[in-house]
Structure formats: C-alpha cells, structure tokens
Amino acid sequence: MSDNAGAAEQVLQRLFTDPEAIRNPYPLYAQLRDLAPMHRAQIIPVWVFSGYPEVDHAFRTVSFGKRDELTRGFGHELADDQTYAFMSKHSIVRQNPPDHTRLKGLISREFTARRVQNMAPHIEALTKELLGRVEDPSDFDLMNALAFNLPVRVLGELLGVPEADQGQFRDLTISITKLIDPSCSPEMLVKAKADCLVMERYFLDLIAERRRKPSDDLTTALINVRDGEDRITEDELLATIMVLFFGGVETTTSVIGSLVLSLLQHPDQLAAVRADRTLVPGAVDETLRFQSPIQATARTVLESSVIDGVELAEGDIVLTYLGSANRDPRRFTDPDTFDIRRETGQHLAFAAGMHFCIGAALARLETGIALNQILDRFVDLALIDDTPDWRPNATARGLDTLRLSGTMA
C-alpha cells in the first residue's frame, strides 16, 4: 500500500468511526480528495470515490449501475431479495436498463410534476398546522415541531396512509437509515432490519386494502397504472412504495433542518432570503449541495473500466461520496462557503443520470414551503445551541435536534 493509500485508509477509518466526523466530515473529505479521489478501501471491500469528476462519472456512465451493492458492500449480511423490498431486485434503486427504464416509465405516469405541484396548497396548510402547535417560541425544537413530521404527513397522505397511522413512521424511517450506514453497530442493524419489516408489512396491508377499496391516492394509482399490457408487478409495487416513502421522508427531514441551520449560521444570507423570497429556491439548492442529506451511495461496476489509469473490475463496488463531491473545488468556487446566490456548478445531492432521485421535485417543494412558512411565522430567529446534534449516521446526514428561539410575527 502506497503512502497516499495508507493515509487515505486512515481518513476513511475516521469517517466511519470518529464522532467528530459525524458533526463535521468536510475536512476529512478534503483530505481524502487530495490523497486519493479514487481509493481502494481495506476497511470495507469497496472503491471509494470522493471527487466530483469521479462521482459524476460513476453516476452517468453506463458501465456503472446497481446490483446488490447495498447488501454486499457494507458487510451487513442482509437477508435475501424477498425480505427487504426497497433493496430487492424489484426495486427501482436496484435496477438497470431495460428494467429500470420500464419501471420508471410506469411510475412517472402517475407520480407526475402536476401531481406534485397540486400538493402545494395542502403542504402549506400542513406546515401552518404543525408550526401553529409551537407553544413557546422562545425555546422550541424545529426538528420535533416540523422537520420530522411534515414529510411523514405529506408522504403518508400522498400514499393513502391514514393520519392516525402516520406517527409510527418517524422513528421507523430514522432506524431504517442504518441499513445503508457502513458505521452501523450490530445492535442497531438488528433493530433496523426489524423496523424495515414492520414498515413493509404495513404497506402490504395498505396495498391489499386499496385493492378492496380504491381511493384517490398514489398507491391506488400505482396499482392501476398500465402501459399497454404492462403493469407494475406485486413485488415492484411494494418496493416502489417503500422507496418513495423512505426516501422522501429521510431526505426532506434532513434538508429542512440543514437549511434553517445554515441560514442562521449565515445571518446575511438569512436577511437576504427574508427580504426577497425569490431567493428561496436557491437557498434550498445550496443547502442540498452544502449539507447533502445523503452523504454517500453505492454503485456496482457492470463492465470492467479504466479511469485515469485505475482499473476497476466488473463486479467491484464503488462507494460514491456525494457530500465530498459537492465540496470539490474542481467544480465549485469557494465550495466551503454557503452562498444562496451560487450560479456555477451542478450539485449531486440527488445523484445524476438514470438514477436521479425520482422524488427530487417533491423534496424541493416541501422544503421551500417550509422555509417560507417559518419566515412568515417567526421573526428574530436565533440558535439556542450553536452546535446542535447530528444523528449518528455516516451516510444519511441530518440533525437530531435544532433548538431555536424567536418571536411570533
């Protein structure tokens, strides 16, 4: 092992095990990019890509795709394809063309831009309802008051989950993220597996109920969608609903918290967006780059490849660090600066290529509405705790708490 490779391995070890890396992984990412933007790891049997060009290449090139990297690369020894629907071969996150093209086409017939945009008034009403429950604005936790609950409500109602059942999904979703965390302890993994099955059983029952009693929700629409004689299979239906719910809740929860935190840590940016709400979309997008909700994801090498003289064999797993790529100075000017007016660069927070996040538009819509409603409801917002706790996950980056003080507008 070369000196650079040895040093890169030490950095990777810290990323997986050092609590400080959970709070602030970005200095370690910079070291990893400088040492080896493509590194053959020893701690887990994967390649690690940390630079923007390398990660972007893995996302957009047909020689990279999806197989069983989520279950194989992290050494979690997850059960077979029939057990974890959202990670199974029937899931859109595990498929490649032509299967991926077919399934995404069917889903997109019902999960449309119009359906998402038509949800805006209801999302605004839900946000007002949740913020209206804040009794003491001088000390409240935004994560508990809004960020954890709004996406559960939105995705729950989109899919037809009764409001009385929605509360359980907050903790289930947080737990299930451990299935994609290489630093996950054996005890946490056991709980994550069990919670994944709880969620899966719930959605199986919901699908059965919607077959008996169709409703005006996305679950019913996905049951009925067709392209000629083609339709979504039973296994694909469960996997799709799991992916939409889990991915939609986890991502949006994290971005809402990170957005408000980043603005409060940059008062000039907060003042600008409060004065000019046309800056809200830019603030959301900059947060996605600056504090990517998913810090890393995986790909499999489908065809042997050579990148910058480095040989990757068919079947190799590649751990792509989106959080590092989105701070790469080769792509972004002053990448460690939070700038809601940033115009250059295309962040990879939602991946790229054929596996670009299918729920990106909904996540952006929810987060933008949340920020507008927060600014409308509270003035003089401030952090009570300058160092809020991040959830202990090396892959999914989100706050555990965000204590704020403010005055009702």
Protein backbone atom coordinates (compact mmCIF):
# COMPACT_ATOMS: atom_id res chain seq x y z
CA MET A 1 0.00 0.00 0.00
CA SER A 2 1.40 3.39 -1.01
CA ASP A 3 1.82 6.23 1.48
CA ASN A 4 -1.18 8.05 0.00
CA ALA A 5 -3.32 4.92 0.09
CA GLY A 6 -2.35 4.28 3.70
CA ALA A 7 -3.19 7.83 4.68
CA ALA A 8 -6.48 7.66 2.79
CA GLU A 9 -7.37 4.48 4.66
CA GLN A 10 -6.81 6.26 7.97
CA VAL A 11 -9.09 9.09 6.84
CA LEU A 12 -11.77 6.59 5.84
CA GLN A 13 -11.47 4.85 9.20
CA ARG A 14 -12.13 8.18 10.93
CA LEU A 15 -15.11 8.89 8.68
CA PHE A 16 -16.67 5.62 9.80
CA THR A 17 -15.80 5.72 13.49
CA ASP A 18 -14.92 9.22 14.75
CA PRO A 19 -17.88 11.05 16.37
CA GLU A 20 -16.32 14.36 15.28
CA ALA A 21 -16.65 13.21 11.67
CA ILE A 22 -20.41 12.96 12.13
CA ARG A 23 -20.51 16.60 13.23
CA ASN A 24 -18.17 17.85 10.51
CA PRO A 25 -16.91 15.38 7.89
CA TYR A 26 -15.81 18.02 5.39
CA PRO A 27 -12.15 18.47 6.44
CA LEU A 28 -11.75 14.70 6.15
CA TYR A 29 -13.39 14.72 2.74
CA ALA A 30 -10.87 17.34 1.60
CA GLN A 31 -8.01 15.15 2.82
CA LEU A 32 -9.47 12.13 1.03
CA ARG A 33 -9.84 14.04 -2.26
CA ASP A 34 -6.27 15.30 -2.03
CA LEU A 35 -4.80 11.91 -1.14
CA ALA A 36 -6.78 9.65 -3.44
CA PRO A 37 -10.04 10.71 -5.10
CA MET A 38 -10.30 7.04 -6.13
CA HIS A 39 -9.21 4.80 -3.25
CA ARG A 40 -9.34 1.01 -2.91
CA ALA A 41 -10.53 0.65 0.68
CA GLN A 42 -9.47 -2.04 3.11
CA ILE A 43 -11.89 -1.34 5.97
CA ILE A 44 -14.76 -2.44 3.70
CA PRO A 45 -14.34 -4.17 0.31
CA VAL A 46 -15.16 -1.21 -1.94
CA TRP A 47 -13.66 1.52 -4.06
CA VAL A 48 -14.21 4.97 -2.60
CA PHE A 49 -14.79 7.89 -4.98
CA SER A 50 -14.63 11.30 -3.28
CA GLY A 51 -14.02 13.81 -6.10
CA TYR A 52 -16.71 15.43 -8.22
CA PRO A 53 -15.46 14.17 -11.62
CA GLU A 54 -15.12 10.63 -10.29
CA VAL A 55 -18.54 10.53 -8.60
CA ASP A 56 -20.24 12.17 -11.58
CA HIS A 57 -18.61 9.60 -13.88
CA ALA A 58 -19.98 6.74 -11.78
CA PHE A 59 -23.48 8.24 -11.92
CA ARG A 60 -23.61 9.00 -15.63
CA THR A 61 -21.64 6.18 -17.26
CA VAL A 62 -23.39 3.01 -18.41
CA SER A 63 -20.51 0.84 -17.18
CA PHE A 64 -21.67 1.66 -13.63
CA GLY A 65 -25.06 0.65 -12.28
CA LYS A 66 -26.94 -1.06 -9.49
CA ARG A 67 -26.88 -4.64 -8.25
CA ASP A 68 -26.58 -5.85 -4.68
CA GLU A 69 -24.03 -3.28 -3.50
CA LEU A 70 -26.22 -2.11 -0.62
CA THR A 71 -26.34 -5.60 0.85
CA ARG A 72 -22.87 -6.77 -0.17
CA GLY A 73 -20.52 -3.83 0.15
CA PHE A 74 -21.21 -2.80 3.73
CA GLY A 75 -20.91 -6.32 5.13
CA HIS A 76 -24.32 -6.14 6.76
CA GLU A 77 -25.35 -9.62 5.57
CA LEU A 78 -28.90 -8.55 4.85
CA ALA A 79 -31.37 -11.27 4.01
CA ASP A 80 -32.37 -12.36 0.53
CA ASP A 81 -34.31 -10.45 -2.10
CA GLN A 82 -37.67 -11.42 -0.69
CA THR A 83 -37.06 -9.79 2.70
CA TYR A 84 -36.15 -6.15 2.21
CA ALA A 85 -38.39 -4.82 -0.54
CA PHE A 86 -36.77 -1.43 -1.10
CA MET A 87 -33.35 -3.09 -1.52
CA SER A 88 -34.59 -6.05 -3.58
CA LYS A 89 -34.07 -6.77 -7.25
CA HIS A 90 -37.64 -5.50 -7.77
CA SER A 91 -36.76 -2.00 -6.51
CA ILE A 92 -36.07 0.87 -8.88
CA VAL A 93 -32.95 1.68 -6.84
CA ARG A 94 -31.51 -1.75 -7.75
CA GLN A 95 -32.42 -1.92 -11.42
CA ASN A 96 -30.61 -1.09 -14.65
CA PRO A 97 -31.97 -0.70 -18.19
CA PRO A 98 -34.16 -2.05 -19.63
CA ASP A 99 -35.92 -2.97 -16.35
CA HIS A 100 -35.21 0.41 -14.75
CA THR A 101 -36.44 2.28 -17.84
CA ARG A 102 -39.68 0.29 -17.89
CA LEU A 103 -40.44 0.67 -14.17
CA LYS A 104 -39.53 4.36 -14.00
CA GLY A 105 -41.78 4.98 -17.00
CA LEU A 106 -44.73 3.32 -15.27
CA ILE A 107 -44.16 5.20 -12.00
CA SER A 108 -43.77 8.51 -13.84
CA ARG A 109 -47.19 8.10 -15.45
CA GLU A 110 -48.75 8.68 -12.02
CA PHE A 111 -46.07 10.38 -9.90
CA THR A 112 -46.10 13.42 -12.18
CA ALA A 113 -44.92 17.01 -11.88
CA ARG A 114 -48.57 18.09 -11.94
CA ARG A 115 -49.48 15.75 -9.07
CA VAL A 116 -46.57 17.12 -7.04
CA GLN A 117 -47.36 20.77 -7.77
CA ASN A 118 -51.04 20.25 -6.97
CA MET A 119 -49.96 19.25 -3.46
CA ALA A 120 -48.55 22.72 -2.72
CA PRO A 121 -51.67 24.22 -1.06
CA HIS A 122 -52.08 21.19 1.17
CA ILE A 123 -48.38 21.19 2.11
CA GLU A 124 -48.73 24.86 3.07
CA ALA A 125 -51.74 24.02 5.24
CA LEU A 126 -49.93 21.14 6.93
CA THR A 127 -46.89 23.34 7.60
CA LYS A 128 -49.05 26.06 9.16
CA GLU A 129 -50.80 23.44 11.29
CA LEU A 130 -47.54 21.99 12.62
CA LEU A 131 -45.91 25.37 13.28
CA GLY A 132 -49.12 26.50 14.95
CA ARG A 133 -48.56 23.88 17.62
CA VAL A 134 -45.39 25.63 18.83
CA GLU A 135 -46.49 26.92 22.24
CA ASP A 136 -43.31 28.67 23.36
CA PRO A 137 -41.40 30.31 20.50
CA SER A 138 -38.67 31.38 22.92
CA ASP A 139 -37.42 27.78 23.04
CA PHE A 140 -38.58 25.13 20.59
CA ASP A 141 -37.05 22.27 18.62
CA LEU A 142 -37.69 22.73 14.91
CA MET A 143 -36.87 19.09 14.13
CA ASN A 144 -39.51 17.84 16.54
CA ALA A 145 -42.02 20.58 15.69
CA LEU A 146 -41.79 20.40 11.90
CA ALA A 147 -38.92 18.68 10.12
CA PHE A 148 -39.56 15.14 11.35
CA ASN A 149 -43.33 15.40 10.96
CA LEU A 150 -44.07 17.33 7.77
CA PRO A 151 -42.55 14.79 5.32
CA VAL A 152 -44.29 11.91 7.12
CA ARG A 153 -47.62 13.72 6.79
CA VAL A 154 -47.03 14.64 3.14
CA LEU A 155 -45.84 11.21 2.01
CA GLY A 156 -48.42 9.48 4.17
CA GLU A 157 -51.29 11.41 2.62
CA LEU A 158 -49.84 11.06 -0.88
CA LEU A 159 -49.79 7.28 -0.50
CA GLY A 160 -53.05 7.00 1.44
CA VAL A 161 -51.75 6.29 4.95
CA PRO A 162 -54.43 7.37 7.46
CA GLU A 163 -53.32 10.21 9.72
CA ALA A 164 -53.83 8.02 12.79
CA ASP A 165 -51.18 5.60 11.46
CA GLN A 166 -48.60 8.16 10.36
CA GLY A 167 -46.91 8.82 13.70
CA GLN A 168 -45.12 5.46 13.84
CA PHE A 169 -43.20 6.15 10.63
CA ARG A 170 -40.99 8.90 12.02
CA ASP A 171 -38.93 6.57 14.22
CA LEU A 172 -39.15 3.68 11.75
CA THR A 173 -37.60 5.78 9.00
CA ILE A 174 -34.76 7.02 11.19
CA SER A 175 -33.99 3.45 12.22
CA ILE A 176 -34.07 2.05 8.68
CA THR A 177 -31.38 4.51 7.52
CA LYS A 178 -28.94 2.34 9.45
CA LEU A 179 -29.25 -0.30 6.73
CA ILE A 180 -27.21 2.00 4.45
CA ASP A 181 -24.73 3.14 7.11
CA PRO A 182 -21.32 1.40 6.98
CA SER A 183 -20.65 2.50 10.59
CA CYS A 184 -23.81 0.80 11.87
CA SER A 185 -23.35 -1.31 15.00
CA PRO A 186 -24.67 -4.92 15.09
CA GLU A 187 -27.31 -3.90 17.64
CA MET A 188 -28.57 -1.02 15.51
CA LEU A 189 -28.62 -3.27 12.46
CA VAL A 190 -30.85 -5.81 14.20
CA LYS A 191 -33.33 -3.05 15.05
CA ALA A 192 -33.14 -1.57 11.54
CA LYS A 193 -33.94 -4.95 10.00
CA ALA A 194 -36.91 -5.45 12.30
CA ASP A 195 -38.23 -1.94 11.66
CA CYS A 196 -37.88 -2.38 7.91
CA LEU A 197 -40.12 -5.43 8.11
CA VAL A 198 -42.66 -3.53 10.23
CA MET A 199 -42.91 -0.85 7.54
CA GLU A 200 -43.05 -3.45 4.79
CA ARG A 201 -45.90 -5.35 6.46
CA TYR A 202 -47.83 -2.10 6.90
CA PHE A 203 -47.60 -1.24 3.21
CA LEU A 204 -48.53 -4.79 2.18
CA ASP A 205 -51.71 -4.37 4.21
CA LEU A 206 -52.31 -0.92 2.68
CA ILE A 207 -51.94 -2.32 -0.85
CA ALA A 208 -54.44 -5.08 -0.04
CA GLU A 209 -56.85 -2.52 1.40
CA ARG A 210 -56.58 -0.33 -1.70
CA ARG A 211 -57.35 -3.30 -3.91
CA ARG A 212 -60.56 -3.81 -1.94
CA LYS A 213 -61.36 -0.10 -1.59
CA PRO A 214 -59.66 2.09 -4.21
CA SER A 215 -59.04 5.69 -3.24
CA ASP A 216 -57.73 8.93 -4.73
CA ASP A 217 -54.12 8.32 -3.69
CA LEU A 218 -50.84 7.33 -5.31
CA THR A 219 -51.00 3.75 -4.02
CA THR A 220 -54.27 3.16 -5.88
CA ALA A 221 -52.88 4.90 -8.97
CA LEU A 222 -49.77 2.69 -8.99
CA ILE A 223 -51.92 -0.43 -8.59
CA ASN A 224 -53.88 0.54 -11.70
CA VAL A 225 -51.21 2.11 -13.92
CA ARG A 226 -50.61 0.37 -17.24
CA ASP A 227 -48.55 0.77 -20.39
CA GLY A 228 -50.42 -1.37 -22.88
CA GLU A 229 -50.39 -4.82 -21.32
CA ASP A 230 -47.53 -3.94 -18.97
CA ARG A 231 -48.13 -3.02 -15.34
CA ILE A 232 -46.21 -2.84 -12.09
CA THR A 233 -45.82 -6.28 -10.53
CA GLU A 234 -46.74 -7.02 -6.93
CA ASP A 235 -43.09 -7.11 -5.83
CA GLU A 236 -42.32 -3.90 -7.72
CA LEU A 237 -45.35 -2.18 -6.20
CA LEU A 238 -44.26 -2.83 -2.63
CA ALA A 239 -40.66 -1.87 -3.39
CA THR A 240 -41.76 1.35 -5.12
CA ILE A 241 -43.97 2.46 -2.24
CA MET A 242 -41.20 1.71 0.25
CA VAL A 243 -38.66 3.69 -1.78
CA LEU A 244 -40.99 6.67 -2.23
CA PHE A 245 -41.88 6.83 1.45
CA PHE A 246 -38.48 6.09 2.97
CA GLY A 247 -36.52 8.24 0.54
CA GLY A 248 -38.99 11.11 0.62
CA VAL A 249 -39.20 11.31 4.39
CA GLU A 250 -35.49 10.93 5.11
CA THR A 251 -34.26 13.44 2.53
CA THR A 252 -36.76 16.21 3.23
CA THR A 253 -36.48 15.95 7.00
CA SER A 254 -32.73 16.42 6.76
CA VAL A 255 -32.83 19.29 4.26
CA ILE A 256 -35.36 21.32 6.27
CA GLY A 257 -33.15 21.17 9.35
CA SER A 258 -29.91 21.82 7.48
CA LEU A 259 -31.44 24.73 5.56
CA VAL A 260 -32.59 26.59 8.67
CA LEU A 261 -29.32 25.85 10.48
CA SER A 262 -27.22 27.08 7.55
CA LEU A 263 -29.21 30.31 7.24
CA LEU A 264 -28.95 31.01 10.97
CA GLN A 265 -25.21 30.41 10.81
CA HIS A 266 -25.02 32.94 7.94
CA PRO A 267 -27.15 35.91 9.09
CA ASP A 268 -26.52 37.90 5.92
CA GLN A 269 -27.99 35.08 3.85
CA LEU A 270 -30.97 34.79 6.20
CA ALA A 271 -31.65 38.52 5.94
CA ALA A 272 -31.43 38.34 2.16
CA VAL A 273 -33.89 35.47 1.79
CA ARG A 274 -36.27 37.02 4.33
CA ALA A 275 -36.30 40.23 2.29
CA ASP A 276 -36.51 38.53 -1.11
CA ARG A 277 -38.41 35.25 -1.22
CA THR A 278 -37.38 34.64 -4.82
CA LEU A 279 -34.10 33.50 -3.23
CA VAL A 280 -35.82 30.56 -1.50
CA PRO A 281 -35.23 28.03 -4.34
CA GLY A 282 -31.56 29.00 -4.44
CA ALA A 283 -31.29 28.61 -0.67
CA VAL A 284 -32.81 25.13 -0.88
CA ASP A 285 -30.47 24.09 -3.68
CA GLU A 286 -27.39 25.49 -1.95
CA THR A 287 -28.30 23.56 1.19
CA LEU A 288 -28.58 20.37 -0.85
CA ARG A 289 -25.01 21.00 -2.03
CA PHE A 290 -23.60 22.33 1.22
CA GLN A 291 -25.14 19.72 3.55
CA SER A 292 -26.15 16.87 1.27
CA PRO A 293 -28.80 14.75 3.04
CA ILE A 294 -27.32 11.56 1.65
CA GLN A 295 -23.56 11.77 2.01
CA ALA A 296 -22.73 8.55 0.21
CA THR A 297 -24.35 5.97 -2.01
CA ALA A 298 -23.09 2.96 -3.91
CA ARG A 299 -22.75 1.67 -7.45
CA THR A 300 -21.51 -1.58 -8.99
CA VAL A 301 -19.09 -1.77 -11.90
CA LEU A 302 -21.12 -3.51 -14.63
CA GLU A 303 -18.29 -3.59 -17.17
CA SER A 304 -14.56 -3.51 -16.46
CA SER A 305 -13.38 0.08 -16.73
CA VAL A 306 -10.23 2.18 -16.62
CA ILE A 307 -10.50 5.67 -15.11
CA ASP A 308 -7.38 7.85 -15.08
CA GLY A 309 -5.25 4.74 -15.34
CA VAL A 310 -7.04 2.95 -12.48
CA GLU A 311 -8.55 -0.43 -13.38
CA LEU A 312 -11.93 -1.37 -11.93
CA ALA A 313 -13.14 -4.92 -12.43
CA GLU A 314 -16.67 -5.98 -13.28
CA GLY A 315 -18.49 -6.59 -10.00
CA ASP A 316 -16.44 -4.12 -7.96
CA ILE A 317 -18.48 -1.94 -5.61
CA VAL A 318 -17.94 1.83 -5.60
CA LEU A 319 -18.89 3.95 -2.59
CA THR A 320 -19.52 7.43 -4.00
CA TYR A 321 -19.23 10.31 -1.54
CA LEU A 322 -21.78 12.86 -2.74
CA GLY A 323 -21.08 15.04 0.28
CA SER A 324 -17.43 15.27 -0.71
CA ALA A 325 -18.08 15.72 -4.43
CA ASN A 326 -20.38 18.64 -3.64
CA ARG A 327 -17.48 20.38 -1.85
CA ASP A 328 -14.88 19.73 -4.56
CA PRO A 329 -13.07 22.96 -5.59
CA ARG A 330 -12.51 21.46 -9.03
CA ARG A 331 -16.24 22.00 -9.61
CA PHE A 332 -17.37 24.71 -7.17
CA THR A 333 -15.78 28.08 -6.44
CA ASP A 334 -15.21 28.52 -2.70
CA PRO A 335 -17.02 25.22 -2.03
CA ASP A 336 -16.97 25.60 1.76
CA THR A 337 -18.85 28.90 1.53
CA PHE A 338 -22.65 28.83 1.88
CA ASP A 339 -23.95 31.08 -0.91
CA ILE A 340 -27.66 31.09 -1.75
CA ARG A 341 -26.92 33.07 -4.94
CA ARG A 342 -24.45 30.49 -6.24
CA GLU A 343 -24.80 30.08 -10.00
CA THR A 344 -21.97 27.76 -11.03
CA GLY A 345 -21.78 24.00 -10.70
CA GLN A 346 -24.39 21.25 -10.63
CA HIS A 347 -24.63 19.51 -7.29
CA LEU A 348 -25.08 15.75 -6.99
CA ALA A 349 -27.27 15.64 -3.88
CA PHE A 350 -29.98 13.82 -5.85
CA ALA A 351 -27.39 11.79 -7.81
CA ALA A 352 -27.39 12.10 -11.62
CA GLY A 353 -28.05 10.06 -14.71
CA MET A 354 -30.67 7.34 -14.80
CA HIS A 355 -30.81 7.00 -11.00
CA PHE A 356 -31.52 10.70 -10.40
CA CYS A 357 -33.89 10.87 -7.43
CA ILE A 358 -37.48 10.43 -8.59
CA GLY A 359 -38.74 12.45 -5.60
CA ALA A 360 -36.46 15.47 -6.06
CA ALA A 361 -39.24 17.86 -7.10
CA LEU A 362 -41.38 16.98 -4.08
CA ALA A 363 -38.44 17.38 -1.69
CA ARG A 364 -37.65 20.82 -3.13
CA LEU A 365 -41.31 21.86 -2.96
CA GLU A 366 -41.76 20.79 0.67
CA THR A 367 -38.52 22.41 1.80
CA GLY A 368 -39.25 25.69 0.06
CA ILE A 369 -42.75 25.86 1.54
CA ALA A 370 -41.37 25.01 4.98
CA LEU A 371 -38.83 27.84 4.81
CA ASN A 372 -41.40 30.38 3.63
CA GLN A 373 -43.79 29.42 6.42
CA ILE A 374 -41.04 29.56 9.06
CA LEU A 375 -40.05 33.05 7.91
CA ASP A 376 -43.69 34.15 7.87
CA ARG A 377 -44.38 32.87 11.39
CA PHE A 378 -41.22 33.82 13.28
CA VAL A 379 -39.08 36.94 13.45
CA ASP A 380 -35.70 37.28 15.16
CA LEU A 381 -34.97 33.57 14.86
CA ALA A 382 -31.79 32.50 16.64
CA LEU A 383 -29.97 29.33 17.58
CA ILE A 384 -30.18 28.34 21.23
CA ASP A 385 -27.48 25.72 20.72
CA ASP A 386 -24.67 26.70 18.34
CA THR A 387 -23.58 23.06 18.00
CA PRO A 388 -26.76 21.02 17.51
CA ASP A 389 -26.59 17.26 17.49
CA TRP A 390 -26.37 15.38 14.20
CA ARG A 391 -27.87 11.93 14.02
CA PRO A 392 -25.10 9.31 14.32
CA ASN A 393 -25.05 8.09 10.73
CA ALA A 394 -22.06 8.20 8.37
CA THR A 395 -24.27 8.07 5.27
CA ALA A 396 -27.51 9.96 5.97
CA ARG A 397 -26.75 13.45 7.28
CA GLY A 398 -29.46 15.08 9.34
CA LEU A 399 -29.93 16.92 12.61
CA ASP A 400 -31.33 15.20 15.66
CA THR A 401 -32.37 18.47 17.30
CA LEU A 402 -32.42 22.15 16.33
CA ARG A 403 -33.36 24.35 19.28
CA LEU A 404 -34.45 27.83 18.25
CA SER A 405 -35.79 30.99 19.81
CA GLY A 406 -37.94 33.52 18.04
CA THR A 407 -40.87 35.88 18.22
CA MET A 408 -44.24 35.23 16.62
CA ALA A 409 -44.78 37.53 13.64
